[in-house]
Amino acid sequence: MASVLREKQINALKRMLNFNVNISKTSVAEPVWKVLVYDRYGQDIISPLLSVKDLREMGVTLHLLLHSDREPIPDVPVIYFVMPNEENISRIGQLHLLGTEMQ
């Protein structure tokens, strides 16, 4: 039962990283390169389920914490995996107003 739940969690994360499109094991499409931004809560969910190698295979070229300082990365899609609280939403808004994230 625990392994079935773990597989469902992994599949849900992979679907999210693929812009909510299901991925079949037979599909051989090239991944879309993207940035993954998460908070500590998101990190605690992702870390035990997906390795850095798994993230790379899903097209995640860079993964980092929401509140870390970083340079703009133009023309690269960003996936946010954060707790929907006021602090995180404010931070995402700041980044977009400053032009440090492009979608």
C-alpha atoms as a PDB file:
ATOM      1  CA  MET A   1       0.000   0.000   0.000  1.00  0.00           C
ATOM      2  CA  ALA A   2       2.807   2.455   0.889  1.00  0.00           C
ATOM      3  CA  SER A   3       4.578   1.825  -2.418  1.00  0.00           C
ATOM      4  CA  VAL A   4       1.356   2.509  -4.337  1.00  0.00           C
ATOM      5  CA  LEU A   5       0.924   5.813  -2.513  1.00  0.00           C
ATOM      6  CA  ARG A   6       4.563   6.743  -3.178  1.00  0.00           C
ATOM      7  CA  GLU A   7       4.142   5.963  -6.897  1.00  0.00           C
ATOM      8  CA  LYS A   8       1.037   8.158  -7.049  1.00  0.00           C
ATOM      9  CA  GLN A   9       2.911  11.000  -5.352  1.00  0.00           C
ATOM     10  CA  ILE A  10       5.823  10.674  -7.778  1.00  0.00           C
ATOM     11  CA  ASN A  11       3.469  10.578 -10.766  1.00  0.00           C
ATOM     12  CA  ALA A  12       1.644  13.688  -9.517  1.00  0.00           C
ATOM     13  CA  LEU A  13       4.941  15.572  -9.181  1.00  0.00           C
ATOM     14  CA  LYS A  14       6.084  14.472 -12.626  1.00  0.00           C
ATOM     15  CA  ARG A  15       2.756  15.562 -14.134  1.00  0.00           C
ATOM     16  CA  MET A  16       3.138  18.971 -12.434  1.00  0.00           C
ATOM     17  CA  LEU A  17       6.692  19.308 -13.795  1.00  0.00           C
ATOM     18  CA  ASN A  18       5.355  18.494 -17.249  1.00  0.00           C
ATOM     19  CA  PHE A  19       2.884  21.402 -17.089  1.00  0.00           C
ATOM     20  CA  ASN A  20       0.062  19.109 -15.920  1.00  0.00           C
ATOM     21  CA  VAL A  21       0.258  16.757 -18.903  1.00  0.00           C
ATOM     22  CA  ASN A  22       0.385  13.030 -18.213  1.00  0.00           C
ATOM     23  CA  ILE A  23       3.591  11.308 -19.226  1.00  0.00           C
ATOM     24  CA  SER A  24       3.482   7.764 -20.483  1.00  0.00           C
ATOM     25  CA  LYS A  25       6.446   5.453 -20.185  1.00  0.00           C
ATOM     26  CA  THR A  26       6.397   4.988 -23.952  1.00  0.00           C
ATOM     27  CA  SER A  27       6.549   8.708 -24.776  1.00  0.00           C
ATOM     28  CA  VAL A  28       9.948   9.854 -26.001  1.00  0.00           C
ATOM     29  CA  ALA A  29       9.292  13.580 -26.365  1.00  0.00           C
ATOM     30  CA  GLU A  30      12.100  15.917 -25.423  1.00  0.00           C
ATOM     31  CA  PRO A  31      11.478  17.656 -22.091  1.00  0.00           C
ATOM     32  CA  VAL A  32      10.817  21.387 -21.990  1.00  0.00           C
ATOM     33  CA  TRP A  33      13.639  23.070 -20.084  1.00  0.00           C
ATOM     34  CA  LYS A  34      12.385  24.878 -17.012  1.00  0.00           C
ATOM     35  CA  VAL A  35      13.224  26.266 -13.587  1.00  0.00           C
ATOM     36  CA  LEU A  36      11.666  24.851 -10.419  1.00  0.00           C
ATOM     37  CA  VAL A  37      11.218  27.242  -7.511  1.00  0.00           C
ATOM     38  CA  TYR A  38      10.019  25.877  -4.180  1.00  0.00           C
ATOM     39  CA  ASP A  39       9.753  26.884  -0.550  1.00  0.00           C
ATOM     40  CA  ARG A  40      10.840  24.733   2.406  1.00  0.00           C
ATOM     41  CA  TYR A  41       7.458  22.995   2.390  1.00  0.00           C
ATOM     42  CA  GLY A  42       7.773  22.108  -1.296  1.00  0.00           C
ATOM     43  CA  GLN A  43      11.363  21.015  -0.781  1.00  0.00           C
ATOM     44  CA  ASP A  44      10.260  18.650   1.996  1.00  0.00           C
ATOM     45  CA  ILE A  45       7.763  17.056  -0.402  1.00  0.00           C
ATOM     46  CA  ILE A  46       9.991  16.804  -3.469  1.00  0.00           C
ATOM     47  CA  SER A  47      13.303  15.750  -1.884  1.00  0.00           C
ATOM     48  CA  PRO A  48      12.334  12.248  -0.720  1.00  0.00           C
ATOM     49  CA  LEU A  49      10.474  11.493  -3.963  1.00  0.00           C
ATOM     50  CA  LEU A  50      12.611  12.838  -6.817  1.00  0.00           C
ATOM     51  CA  SER A  51      16.378  12.891  -7.167  1.00  0.00           C
ATOM     52  CA  VAL A  52      18.328  15.596  -8.981  1.00  0.00           C
ATOM     53  CA  LYS A  53      18.696  13.105 -11.843  1.00  0.00           C
ATOM     54  CA  ASP A  54      14.899  12.692 -11.975  1.00  0.00           C
ATOM     55  CA  LEU A  55      14.460  16.465 -12.081  1.00  0.00           C
ATOM     56  CA  ARG A  56      16.974  16.764 -14.929  1.00  0.00           C
ATOM     57  CA  GLU A  57      15.146  14.053 -16.877  1.00  0.00           C
ATOM     58  CA  MET A  58      11.958  16.100 -16.443  1.00  0.00           C
ATOM     59  CA  GLY A  59      13.707  19.148 -17.934  1.00  0.00           C
ATOM     60  CA  VAL A  60      14.413  21.004 -14.678  1.00  0.00           C
ATOM     61  CA  THR A  61      17.691  22.781 -15.370  1.00  0.00           C
ATOM     62  CA  LEU A  62      17.728  24.765 -12.155  1.00  0.00           C
ATOM     63  CA  HIS A  63      15.937  24.258  -8.856  1.00  0.00           C
ATOM     64  CA  LEU A  64      16.118  26.705  -6.005  1.00  0.00           C
ATOM     65  CA  LEU A  65      14.393  28.127  -2.970  1.00  0.00           C
ATOM     66  CA  LEU A  66      11.853  30.903  -3.449  1.00  0.00           C
ATOM     67  CA  HIS A  67      13.543  33.260  -1.006  1.00  0.00           C
ATOM     68  CA  SER A  68      17.070  32.855  -2.381  1.00  0.00           C
ATOM     69  CA  ASP A  69      18.678  35.691  -4.325  1.00  0.00           C
ATOM     70  CA  ARG A  70      19.062  35.016  -8.029  1.00  0.00           C
ATOM     71  CA  GLU A  71      19.537  36.665 -11.377  1.00  0.00           C
ATOM     72  CA  PRO A  72      16.818  36.881 -14.030  1.00  0.00           C
ATOM     73  CA  ILE A  73      16.492  33.963 -16.416  1.00  0.00           C
ATOM     74  CA  PRO A  74      14.697  35.308 -19.491  1.00  0.00           C
ATOM     75  CA  ASP A  75      12.528  33.138 -21.738  1.00  0.00           C
ATOM     76  CA  VAL A  76      12.565  30.101 -19.428  1.00  0.00           C
ATOM     77  CA  PRO A  77       9.322  28.801 -17.905  1.00  0.00           C
ATOM     78  CA  VAL A  78       9.182  28.700 -14.114  1.00  0.00           C
ATOM     79  CA  ILE A  79       7.204  26.230 -12.040  1.00  0.00           C
ATOM     80  CA  TYR A  80       6.463  27.334  -8.486  1.00  0.00           C
ATOM     81  CA  PHE A  81       5.821  24.620  -5.901  1.00  0.00           C
ATOM     82  CA  VAL A  82       5.107  26.631  -2.771  1.00  0.00           C
ATOM     83  CA  MET A  83       2.656  26.856   0.092  1.00  0.00           C
ATOM     84  CA  PRO A  84       0.009  29.409  -0.934  1.00  0.00           C
ATOM     85  CA  ASN A  85       0.611  31.832   1.917  1.00  0.00           C
ATOM     86  CA  GLU A  86       0.848  35.613   1.883  1.00  0.00           C
ATOM     87  CA  GLU A  87       4.641  35.704   2.284  1.00  0.00           C
ATOM     88  CA  ASN A  88       5.246  33.396  -0.703  1.00  0.00           C
ATOM     89  CA  ILE A  89       2.699  35.137  -2.906  1.00  0.00           C
ATOM     90  CA  SER A  90       4.245  38.503  -2.044  1.00  0.00           C
ATOM     91  CA  ARG A  91       7.721  37.190  -2.935  1.00  0.00           C
ATOM     92  CA  ILE A  92       6.530  35.842  -6.287  1.00  0.00           C
ATOM     93  CA  GLY A  93       4.876  39.195  -7.003  1.00  0.00           C
ATOM     94  CA  GLN A  94       8.096  41.048  -6.138  1.00  0.00           C
ATOM     95  CA  LEU A  95      10.097  38.852  -8.491  1.00  0.00           C
ATOM     96  CA  HIS A  96       7.715  39.445 -11.373  1.00  0.00           C
ATOM     97  CA  LEU A  97       7.506  43.191 -10.764  1.00  0.00           C
ATOM     98  CA  LEU A  98      11.281  43.407 -10.751  1.00  0.00           C
ATOM     99  CA  GLY A  99      11.441  41.397 -13.956  1.00  0.00           C
ATOM    100  CA  THR A 100      13.554  38.672 -12.392  1.00  0.00           C
ATOM    101  CA  GLU A 101      11.307  35.858 -13.612  1.00  0.00           C
ATOM    102  CA  MET A 102       9.960  35.455 -17.113  1.00  0.00           C
ATOM    103  CA  GLN A 103       7.123  33.166 -18.094  1.00  0.00           C
END
